[in-house]
Each structure stands twice: as structure tokens, then as C-alpha cells.
């Protein structure tokens, strides 16, 4: 799953995000969603979230539980 649809993402979900500083390189950071920061139902670059460790980025991969 990609992270473009807000309905697919919720707190407690394990995801990969791309941080703002890593957008050029595409380096992914893995973590657990704490807050959803994007209000729209869909975003072409991924829904912006805050992880439990405080990092903020756009979701690129979702891991199924």
C-alpha cells in the first residue's frame, strides 16, 4: 500500500516515511504513526504524519498488521 489515502492511515500503524531533508535522496525512515497532519482525504506525495519519536514526514509505505 502507498500512503496517499488518509483513510488507510491511523495512529499505531507502522509505516515508512520520507523526511523533508531526505526528499532528494529518497531515504526512508520506519516508525509508528502518532498523529496525522494532512487534513485532505488524498495527497499525491503521501499523507504527512508525525511518528511516536517526533519525526515528521510523508508516508511512502504501509506495513500490514
N, C-alpha and C. Protein backbone atom coordinates (compact mmCIF):
# COMPACT_ATOMS: atom_id res chain seq x y z
N UNK A 1 0.84 -1.19 0.00
CA UNK A 1 0.00 0.00 0.00
C UNK A 1 0.88 1.24 0.00
N UNK A 2 0.42 2.25 -0.71
CA UNK A 2 1.12 3.53 -0.64
C UNK A 2 0.42 4.41 0.39
N UNK A 3 0.99 5.53 0.70
CA UNK A 3 0.45 6.38 1.76
C UNK A 3 -0.30 7.59 1.25
N UNK A 4 -0.98 7.47 0.11
CA UNK A 4 -1.66 8.63 -0.48
C UNK A 4 -3.08 8.84 0.03
N UNK A 5 -3.70 7.83 0.62
CA UNK A 5 -5.08 7.95 1.08
C UNK A 5 -5.12 8.02 2.61
N UNK A 6 -5.76 9.07 3.12
CA UNK A 6 -5.81 9.30 4.56
C UNK A 6 -6.56 8.19 5.29
N UNK A 7 -7.57 7.60 4.63
CA UNK A 7 -8.39 6.57 5.26
C UNK A 7 -7.59 5.30 5.59
N UNK A 8 -6.44 5.11 4.94
CA UNK A 8 -5.62 3.92 5.15
C UNK A 8 -4.64 4.07 6.32
N UNK A 9 -4.54 5.28 6.87
CA UNK A 9 -3.51 5.58 7.88
C UNK A 9 -4.19 5.97 9.19
N UNK A 10 -3.67 5.42 10.29
CA UNK A 10 -4.24 5.71 11.61
C UNK A 10 -3.14 5.58 12.67
N UNK A 11 -3.33 6.21 13.84
CA UNK A 11 -2.33 6.12 14.90
C UNK A 11 -2.07 4.67 15.30
N UNK A 12 -0.80 4.33 15.51
CA UNK A 12 -0.41 2.98 15.88
C UNK A 12 0.03 2.12 14.71
N UNK A 13 -0.14 2.63 13.49
CA UNK A 13 0.23 1.89 12.29
C UNK A 13 1.72 2.04 12.01
N UNK A 14 2.37 0.95 11.63
CA UNK A 14 3.80 1.00 11.29
C UNK A 14 3.96 1.37 9.83
N UNK A 15 4.78 2.40 9.58
CA UNK A 15 4.94 2.94 8.22
C UNK A 15 6.39 3.31 7.94
N UNK A 16 6.70 3.51 6.67
CA UNK A 16 7.93 4.17 6.24
C UNK A 16 7.54 5.57 5.82
N UNK A 17 8.34 6.55 6.23
CA UNK A 17 8.12 7.93 5.79
C UNK A 17 9.39 8.45 5.13
N UNK A 18 9.22 9.50 4.35
CA UNK A 18 10.36 10.23 3.81
C UNK A 18 10.37 11.60 4.46
N UNK A 19 11.44 11.88 5.19
CA UNK A 19 11.58 13.17 5.86
C UNK A 19 11.86 14.26 4.82
N UNK A 20 11.55 15.50 5.15
CA UNK A 20 11.78 16.63 4.26
C UNK A 20 13.24 16.68 3.79
N UNK A 21 14.18 16.47 4.72
CA UNK A 21 15.60 16.53 4.38
C UNK A 21 16.04 15.38 3.47
N UNK A 22 15.24 14.31 3.42
CA UNK A 22 15.59 13.14 2.61
C UNK A 22 14.81 13.05 1.30
N UNK A 23 14.07 14.09 0.94
CA UNK A 23 13.25 14.02 -0.27
C UNK A 23 14.09 13.82 -1.53
N UNK A 24 15.25 14.43 -1.61
CA UNK A 24 16.09 14.29 -2.80
C UNK A 24 16.70 12.90 -2.91
N UNK A 25 17.09 12.32 -1.77
CA UNK A 25 17.75 11.01 -1.79
C UNK A 25 16.75 9.86 -1.71
N UNK A 26 15.56 10.10 -1.16
CA UNK A 26 14.55 9.04 -1.03
C UNK A 26 14.80 8.10 0.12
N UNK A 27 15.65 8.49 1.07
CA UNK A 27 15.92 7.65 2.24
C UNK A 27 14.65 7.55 3.08
N UNK A 28 14.30 6.31 3.46
CA UNK A 28 13.08 6.07 4.22
C UNK A 28 13.39 5.90 5.70
N UNK A 29 12.45 6.34 6.52
CA UNK A 29 12.55 6.21 7.97
C UNK A 29 11.34 5.41 8.44
N UNK A 30 11.59 4.35 9.23
CA UNK A 30 10.50 3.50 9.70
C UNK A 30 10.06 3.91 11.09
N UNK A 31 8.76 3.86 11.34
CA UNK A 31 8.27 4.21 12.66
C UNK A 31 6.78 3.95 12.79
N UNK A 32 6.23 4.37 13.92
CA UNK A 32 4.82 4.18 14.24
C UNK A 32 4.12 5.53 14.25
N UNK A 33 2.97 5.62 13.59
CA UNK A 33 2.22 6.86 13.46
C UNK A 33 1.67 7.30 14.82
N UNK A 34 1.88 8.57 15.15
CA UNK A 34 1.30 9.18 16.36
C UNK A 34 0.15 10.10 15.96
N UNK A 35 0.40 11.00 14.98
CA UNK A 35 -0.62 11.98 14.55
C UNK A 35 -0.64 12.06 13.04
N UNK A 36 -1.82 12.32 12.47
CA UNK A 36 -1.97 12.62 11.05
C UNK A 36 -2.00 14.14 10.91
N UNK A 37 -1.16 14.68 10.05
CA UNK A 37 -1.03 16.13 9.90
C UNK A 37 -1.70 16.66 8.64
N UNK A 38 -1.95 15.80 7.66
CA UNK A 38 -2.64 16.21 6.43
C UNK A 38 -4.14 16.07 6.65
N UNK A 39 -4.88 17.13 6.33
CA UNK A 39 -6.33 17.11 6.53
C UNK A 39 -7.11 16.60 5.32
N UNK A 40 -6.53 16.72 4.13
CA UNK A 40 -7.26 16.30 2.93
C UNK A 40 -7.34 14.77 2.86
N UNK A 41 -8.32 14.26 2.13
CA UNK A 41 -8.54 12.82 2.02
C UNK A 41 -7.45 12.12 1.24
N UNK A 42 -6.77 12.85 0.35
CA UNK A 42 -5.74 12.24 -0.50
C UNK A 42 -4.65 13.28 -0.78
N UNK A 43 -3.42 12.81 -0.87
CA UNK A 43 -2.31 13.69 -1.24
C UNK A 43 -1.37 12.92 -2.15
N UNK A 44 -1.01 13.47 -3.32
CA UNK A 44 -0.20 12.73 -4.30
C UNK A 44 1.21 12.37 -3.82
N UNK A 45 1.76 13.12 -2.85
CA UNK A 45 3.11 12.83 -2.36
C UNK A 45 3.09 12.03 -1.07
N UNK A 46 1.92 11.70 -0.58
CA UNK A 46 1.79 10.95 0.67
C UNK A 46 1.23 11.80 1.79
N UNK A 47 0.52 11.15 2.68
CA UNK A 47 -0.08 11.84 3.84
C UNK A 47 1.03 12.18 4.83
N UNK A 48 1.04 13.41 5.31
CA UNK A 48 2.05 13.84 6.27
C UNK A 48 1.64 13.38 7.66
N UNK A 49 2.60 12.74 8.38
CA UNK A 49 2.33 12.23 9.72
C UNK A 49 3.48 12.59 10.65
N UNK A 50 3.20 12.50 11.96
CA UNK A 50 4.22 12.61 13.00
C UNK A 50 4.35 11.23 13.61
N UNK A 51 5.59 10.74 13.71
CA UNK A 51 5.84 9.44 14.33
C UNK A 51 5.91 9.58 15.84
N UNK A 52 5.88 8.45 16.54
CA UNK A 52 5.94 8.47 18.00
C UNK A 52 7.23 9.07 18.53
N UNK A 53 8.31 9.03 17.71
CA UNK A 53 9.57 9.64 18.14
C UNK A 53 9.68 11.12 17.77
N UNK A 54 8.61 11.69 17.18
CA UNK A 54 8.56 13.12 16.90
C UNK A 54 8.94 13.51 15.48
N UNK A 55 9.45 12.59 14.68
CA UNK A 55 9.84 12.92 13.31
C UNK A 55 8.60 13.10 12.44
N UNK A 56 8.68 14.04 11.49
CA UNK A 56 7.55 14.36 10.61
C UNK A 56 7.96 14.10 9.17
N UNK A 57 7.09 13.44 8.42
CA UNK A 57 7.36 13.18 7.01
C UNK A 57 6.12 12.64 6.32
N UNK A 58 6.28 12.34 5.04
CA UNK A 58 5.17 11.83 4.24
C UNK A 58 5.27 10.31 4.10
N UNK A 59 4.13 9.65 4.28
CA UNK A 59 4.08 8.18 4.24
C UNK A 59 4.32 7.69 2.81
N UNK A 60 5.24 6.72 2.69
CA UNK A 60 5.50 6.11 1.38
C UNK A 60 5.16 4.62 1.38
N UNK A 61 5.24 3.96 2.51
CA UNK A 61 4.91 2.53 2.62
C UNK A 61 4.11 2.29 3.90
N UNK A 62 3.15 1.36 3.81
CA UNK A 62 2.36 0.97 4.98
C UNK A 62 2.59 -0.52 5.20
N UNK A 63 2.87 -0.89 6.45
CA UNK A 63 3.07 -2.30 6.80
C UNK A 63 1.80 -2.84 7.44
N UNK A 64 1.27 -3.93 6.90
CA UNK A 64 0.04 -4.53 7.40
C UNK A 64 0.30 -5.23 8.74
N UNK A 65 -0.68 -5.13 9.63
CA UNK A 65 -0.57 -5.82 10.92
C UNK A 65 -1.40 -7.08 10.88
